[in-house]
Amino acid sequence: MCDVQKYNDIYNDIKKLTKDDTTQLILEASTEEEKDFYAMVGDFFFQKKQEECIARNVF
């Protein structure tokens, strides 16, 4: 069984990443898989922010 709290902590740390942090992670990734992962994480949180703006009618 996995350590759920450990992954919850990782998730909360990742949520704090800025666009610049994500870009740096992508640029410094050692494999294409890592680059893809960081890009997908950045896209995910960007989409969440877009959804929040749309819900608040902020354009």
PDB file of N, CA and C in Angstrom:
ATOM      1  N   MET A   1       0.841  -1.180   0.000  1.00  0.00           N
ATOM      2  CA  MET A   1       0.000   0.000   0.000  1.00  0.00           C
ATOM      3  C   MET A   1       0.885   1.242   0.000  1.00  0.00           C
ATOM      4  N   CYS A   2       0.493   2.257  -0.747  1.00  0.00           N
ATOM      5  CA  CYS A   2       1.313   3.468  -0.844  1.00  0.00           C
ATOM      6  C   CYS A   2       1.067   4.388   0.351  1.00  0.00           C
ATOM      7  N   ASP A   3       2.002   5.277   0.564  1.00  0.00           N
ATOM      8  CA  ASP A   3       1.910   6.274   1.623  1.00  0.00           C
ATOM      9  C   ASP A   3       1.109   7.460   1.074  1.00  0.00           C
ATOM     10  N   VAL A   4      -0.177   7.473   1.334  1.00  0.00           N
ATOM     11  CA  VAL A   4      -1.078   8.482   0.776  1.00  0.00           C
ATOM     12  C   VAL A   4      -0.660   9.885   1.198  1.00  0.00           C
ATOM     13  N   GLN A   5      -0.286  10.065   2.434  1.00  0.00           N
ATOM     14  CA  GLN A   5       0.110  11.394   2.917  1.00  0.00           C
ATOM     15  C   GLN A   5       1.326  11.917   2.156  1.00  0.00           C
ATOM     16  N   LYS A   6       2.259  11.024   1.846  1.00  0.00           N
ATOM     17  CA  LYS A   6       3.452  11.414   1.089  1.00  0.00           C
ATOM     18  C   LYS A   6       3.048  11.990  -0.269  1.00  0.00           C
ATOM     19  N   TYR A   7       2.149  11.326  -0.961  1.00  0.00           N
ATOM     20  CA  TYR A   7       1.718  11.791  -2.275  1.00  0.00           C
ATOM     21  C   TYR A   7       0.840  13.030  -2.185  1.00  0.00           C
ATOM     22  N   ASN A   8       0.082  13.147  -1.110  1.00  0.00           N
ATOM     23  CA  ASN A   8      -0.704  14.354  -0.894  1.00  0.00           C
ATOM     24  C   ASN A   8       0.232  15.544  -0.699  1.00  0.00           C
ATOM     25  N   ASP A   9       1.315  15.347   0.036  1.00  0.00           N
ATOM     26  CA  ASP A   9       2.309  16.405   0.236  1.00  0.00           C
ATOM     27  C   ASP A   9       2.967  16.785  -1.091  1.00  0.00           C
ATOM     28  N   ILE A  10       3.286  15.798  -1.912  1.00  0.00           N
ATOM     29  CA  ILE A  10       3.883  16.060  -3.222  1.00  0.00           C
ATOM     30  C   ILE A  10       2.910  16.888  -4.076  1.00  0.00           C
ATOM     31  N   TYR A  11       1.655  16.488  -4.090  1.00  0.00           N
ATOM     32  CA  TYR A  11       0.634  17.218  -4.843  1.00  0.00           C
ATOM     33  C   TYR A  11       0.571  18.679  -4.399  1.00  0.00           C
ATOM     34  N   ASN A  12       0.543  18.903  -3.086  1.00  0.00           N
ATOM     35  CA  ASN A  12       0.464  20.269  -2.570  1.00  0.00           C
ATOM     36  C   ASN A  12       1.706  21.079  -2.927  1.00  0.00           C
ATOM     37  N   ASP A  13       2.862  20.454  -2.957  1.00  0.00           N
ATOM     38  CA  ASP A  13       4.082  21.148  -3.382  1.00  0.00           C
ATOM     39  C   ASP A  13       4.011  21.493  -4.867  1.00  0.00           C
ATOM     40  N   ILE A  14       3.546  20.571  -5.672  1.00  0.00           N
ATOM     41  CA  ILE A  14       3.462  20.802  -7.118  1.00  0.00           C
ATOM     42  C   ILE A  14       2.476  21.927  -7.426  1.00  0.00           C
ATOM     43  N   LYS A  15       1.391  22.022  -6.665  1.00  0.00           N
ATOM     44  CA  LYS A  15       0.402  23.088  -6.881  1.00  0.00           C
ATOM     45  C   LYS A  15       1.014  24.474  -6.721  1.00  0.00           C
ATOM     46  N   LYS A  16       2.094  24.584  -5.984  1.00  0.00           N
ATOM     47  CA  LYS A  16       2.738  25.871  -5.723  1.00  0.00           C
ATOM     48  C   LYS A  16       3.670  26.322  -6.855  1.00  0.00           C
ATOM     49  N   LEU A  17       3.929  25.443  -7.811  1.00  0.00           N
ATOM     50  CA  LEU A  17       4.843  25.794  -8.898  1.00  0.00           C
ATOM     51  C   LEU A  17       4.282  26.934  -9.730  1.00  0.00           C
ATOM     52  N   THR A  18       5.164  27.832 -10.110  1.00  0.00           N
ATOM     53  CA  THR A  18       4.772  28.923 -11.000  1.00  0.00           C
ATOM     54  C   THR A  18       5.024  28.483 -12.442  1.00  0.00           C
ATOM     55  N   LYS A  19       4.566  29.304 -13.375  1.00  0.00           N
ATOM     56  CA  LYS A  19       4.820  29.028 -14.793  1.00  0.00           C
ATOM     57  C   LYS A  19       6.320  28.966 -15.050  1.00  0.00           C
ATOM     58  N   ASP A  20       7.068  29.873 -14.448  1.00  0.00           N
ATOM     59  CA  ASP A  20       8.521  29.884 -14.627  1.00  0.00           C
ATOM     60  C   ASP A  20       9.172  28.635 -14.027  1.00  0.00           C
ATOM     61  N   ASP A  21       8.666  28.193 -12.884  1.00  0.00           N
ATOM     62  CA  ASP A  21       9.194  26.958 -12.279  1.00  0.00           C
ATOM     63  C   ASP A  21       8.983  25.775 -13.219  1.00  0.00           C
ATOM     64  N   THR A  22       7.781  25.690 -13.767  1.00  0.00           N
ATOM     65  CA  THR A  22       7.459  24.588 -14.672  1.00  0.00           C
ATOM     66  C   THR A  22       8.349  24.628 -15.912  1.00  0.00           C
ATOM     67  N   THR A  23       8.553  25.824 -16.440  1.00  0.00           N
ATOM     68  CA  THR A  23       9.428  25.976 -17.611  1.00  0.00           C
ATOM     69  C   THR A  23      10.843  25.511 -17.282  1.00  0.00           C
ATOM     70  N   GLN A  24      11.344  25.896 -16.122  1.00  0.00           N
ATOM     71  CA  GLN A  24      12.687  25.484 -15.710  1.00  0.00           C
ATOM     72  C   GLN A  24      12.783  23.967 -15.580  1.00  0.00           C
ATOM     73  N   LEU A  25      11.770  23.356 -15.003  1.00  0.00           N
ATOM     74  CA  LEU A  25      11.764  21.896 -14.870  1.00  0.00           C
ATOM     75  C   LEU A  25      11.793  21.222 -16.235  1.00  0.00           C
ATOM     76  N   ILE A  26      11.028  21.751 -17.172  1.00  0.00           N
ATOM     77  CA  ILE A  26      10.995  21.179 -18.528  1.00  0.00           C
ATOM     78  C   ILE A  26      12.368  21.317 -19.186  1.00  0.00           C
ATOM     79  N   LEU A  27      12.948  22.501 -19.073  1.00  0.00           N
ATOM     80  CA  LEU A  27      14.240  22.739 -19.716  1.00  0.00           C
ATOM     81  C   LEU A  27      15.373  21.896 -19.121  1.00  0.00           C
ATOM     82  N   GLU A  28      15.279  21.610 -17.837  1.00  0.00           N
ATOM     83  CA  GLU A  28      16.349  20.879 -17.170  1.00  0.00           C
ATOM     84  C   GLU A  28      16.058  19.388 -16.997  1.00  0.00           C
ATOM     85  N   ALA A  29      14.946  18.922 -17.524  1.00  0.00           N
ATOM     86  CA  ALA A  29      14.607  17.498 -17.421  1.00  0.00           C
ATOM     87  C   ALA A  29      15.637  16.663 -18.179  1.00  0.00           C
ATOM     88  N   SER A  30      15.926  15.499 -17.641  1.00  0.00           N
ATOM     89  CA  SER A  30      16.965  14.672 -18.257  1.00  0.00           C
ATOM     90  C   SER A  30      16.434  13.715 -19.324  1.00  0.00           C
ATOM     91  N   THR A  31      15.120  13.530 -19.367  1.00  0.00           N
ATOM     92  CA  THR A  31      14.545  12.643 -20.379  1.00  0.00           C
ATOM     93  C   THR A  31      13.307  13.294 -21.003  1.00  0.00           C
ATOM     94  N   GLU A  32      12.931  12.807 -22.161  1.00  0.00           N
ATOM     95  CA  GLU A  32      11.711  13.295 -22.821  1.00  0.00           C
ATOM     96  C   GLU A  32      10.483  12.983 -21.973  1.00  0.00           C
ATOM     97  N   GLU A  33      10.501  11.852 -21.300  1.00  0.00           N
ATOM     98  CA  GLU A  33       9.371  11.483 -20.448  1.00  0.00           C
ATOM     99  C   GLU A  33       9.202  12.494 -19.313  1.00  0.00           C
ATOM    100  N   GLU A  34      10.301  12.904 -18.702  1.00  0.00           N
ATOM    101  CA  GLU A  34      10.237  13.920 -17.656  1.00  0.00           C
ATOM    102  C   GLU A  34       9.706  15.234 -18.212  1.00  0.00           C
ATOM    103  N   LYS A  35      10.200  15.634 -19.373  1.00  0.00           N
ATOM    104  CA  LYS A  35       9.725  16.871 -19.997  1.00  0.00           C
ATOM    105  C   LYS A  35       8.226  16.808 -20.223  1.00  0.00           C
ATOM    106  N   ASP A  36       7.760  15.688 -20.748  1.00  0.00           N
ATOM    107  CA  ASP A  36       6.328  15.510 -20.989  1.00  0.00           C
ATOM    108  C   ASP A  36       5.540  15.590 -19.689  1.00  0.00           C
ATOM    109  N   PHE A  37       6.060  14.967 -18.640  1.00  0.00           N
ATOM    110  CA  PHE A  37       5.389  14.972 -17.341  1.00  0.00           C
ATOM    111  C   PHE A  37       5.238  16.395 -16.818  1.00  0.00           C
ATOM    112  N   TYR A  38       6.339  17.145 -16.805  1.00  0.00           N
ATOM    113  CA  TYR A  38       6.278  18.509 -16.289  1.00  0.00           C
ATOM    114  C   TYR A  38       5.384  19.393 -17.150  1.00  0.00           C
ATOM    115  N   ALA A  39       5.401  19.189 -18.443  1.00  0.00           N
ATOM    116  CA  ALA A  39       4.525  19.950 -19.330  1.00  0.00           C
ATOM    117  C   ALA A  39       3.061  19.637 -19.036  1.00  0.00           C
ATOM    118  N   MET A  40       2.757  18.380 -18.828  1.00  0.00           N
ATOM    119  CA  MET A  40       1.374  17.989 -18.533  1.00  0.00           C
ATOM    120  C   MET A  40       0.930  18.542 -17.173  1.00  0.00           C
ATOM    121  N   VAL A  41       1.808  18.518 -16.197  1.00  0.00           N
ATOM    122  CA  VAL A  41       1.483  19.071 -14.881  1.00  0.00           C
ATOM    123  C   VAL A  41       1.206  20.571 -15.007  1.00  0.00           C
ATOM    124  N   GLY A  42       2.081  21.273 -15.731  1.00  0.00           N
ATOM    125  CA  GLY A  42       1.877  22.704 -15.934  1.00  0.00           C
ATOM    126  C   GLY A  42       0.567  22.988 -16.644  1.00  0.00           C
ATOM    127  N   ASP A  43       0.275  22.223 -17.681  1.00  0.00           N
ATOM    128  CA  ASP A  43      -0.984  22.394 -18.418  1.00  0.00           C
ATOM    129  C   ASP A  43      -2.192  22.140 -17.528  1.00  0.00           C
ATOM    130  N   PHE A  44      -2.112  21.101 -16.706  1.00  0.00           N
ATOM    131  CA  PHE A  44      -3.219  20.759 -15.811  1.00  0.00           C
ATOM    132  C   PHE A  44      -3.571  21.929 -14.898  1.00  0.00           C
ATOM    133  N   PHE A  45      -2.562  22.485 -14.231  1.00  0.00           N
ATOM    134  CA  PHE A  45      -2.841  23.570 -13.298  1.00  0.00           C
ATOM    135  C   PHE A  45      -3.223  24.861 -14.015  1.00  0.00           C
ATOM    136  N   PHE A  46      -2.695  25.083 -15.209  1.00  0.00           N
ATOM    137  CA  PHE A  46      -3.109  26.230 -16.017  1.00  0.00           C
ATOM    138  C   PHE A  46      -4.594  26.105 -16.378  1.00  0.00           C
ATOM    139  N   GLN A  47      -5.016  24.918 -16.774  1.00  0.00           N
ATOM    140  CA  GLN A  47      -6.416  24.690 -17.120  1.00  0.00           C
ATOM    141  C   GLN A  47      -7.320  24.902 -15.908  1.00  0.00           C
ATOM    142  N   LYS A  48      -6.866  24.493 -14.742  1.00  0.00           N
ATOM    143  CA  LYS A  48      -7.656  24.699 -13.517  1.00  0.00           C
ATOM    144  C   LYS A  48      -7.833  26.193 -13.248  1.00  0.00           C
ATOM    145  N   LYS A  49      -6.768  26.973 -13.443  1.00  0.00           N
ATOM    146  CA  LYS A  49      -6.864  28.421 -13.254  1.00  0.00           C
ATOM    147  C   LYS A  49      -7.806  29.034 -14.288  1.00  0.00           C
ATOM    148  N   GLN A  50      -7.755  28.543 -15.522  1.00  0.00           N
ATOM    149  CA  GLN A  50      -8.680  29.030 -16.552  1.00  0.00           C
ATOM    150  C   GLN A  50     -10.122  28.741 -16.154  1.00  0.00           C
ATOM    151  N   GLU A  51     -10.385  27.542 -15.660  1.00  0.00           N
ATOM    152  CA  GLU A  51     -11.731  27.179 -15.240  1.00  0.00           C
ATOM    153  C   GLU A  51     -12.229  28.098 -14.131  1.00  0.00           C
ATOM    154  N   GLU A  52     -11.348  28.428 -13.190  1.00  0.00           N
ATOM    155  CA  GLU A  52     -11.731  29.324 -12.106  1.00  0.00           C
ATOM    156  C   GLU A  52     -12.076  30.707 -12.644  1.00  0.00           C
ATOM    157  N   CYS A  53     -11.279  31.200 -13.589  1.00  0.00           N
ATOM    158  CA  CYS A  53     -11.540  32.520 -14.179  1.00  0.00           C
ATOM    159  C   CYS A  53     -12.857  32.528 -14.942  1.00  0.00           C
ATOM    160  N   ILE A  54     -13.102  31.483 -15.685  1.00  0.00           N
ATOM    161  CA  ILE A  54     -14.355  31.381 -16.445  1.00  0.00           C
ATOM    162  C   ILE A  54     -15.546  31.340 -15.494  1.00  0.00           C
ATOM    163  N   ALA A  55     -15.421  30.583 -14.413  1.00  0.00           N
ATOM    164  CA  ALA A  55     -16.515  30.467 -13.445  1.00  0.00           C
ATOM    165  C   ALA A  55     -16.821  31.825 -12.777  1.00  0.00           C
ATOM    166  N   ARG A  56     -15.782  32.663 -12.640  1.00  0.00           N
ATOM    167  CA  ARG A  56     -15.964  33.981 -12.021  1.00  0.00           C
ATOM    168  C   ARG A  56     -16.229  35.067 -13.057  1.00  0.00           C
ATOM    169  N   ASN A  57     -16.358  34.675 -14.330  1.00  0.00           N
ATOM    170  CA  ASN A  57     -16.566  35.626 -15.434  1.00  0.00           C
ATOM    171  C   ASN A  57     -15.438  36.643 -15.545  1.00  0.00           C
ATOM    172  N   VAL A  58     -14.217  36.203 -15.287  1.00  0.00           N
ATOM    173  CA  VAL A  58     -13.034  37.047 -15.441  1.00  0.00           C
ATOM    174  C   VAL A  58     -12.372  36.665 -16.751  1.00  0.00           C
ATOM    175  N   PHE A  59     -12.267  37.620 -17.666  1.00  0.00           N
ATOM    176  CA  PHE A  59     -11.681  37.303 -18.968  1.00  0.00           C
ATOM    177  C   PHE A  59     -10.517  38.161 -19.213  1.00  0.00           C
TER     178      PHE A  59
END
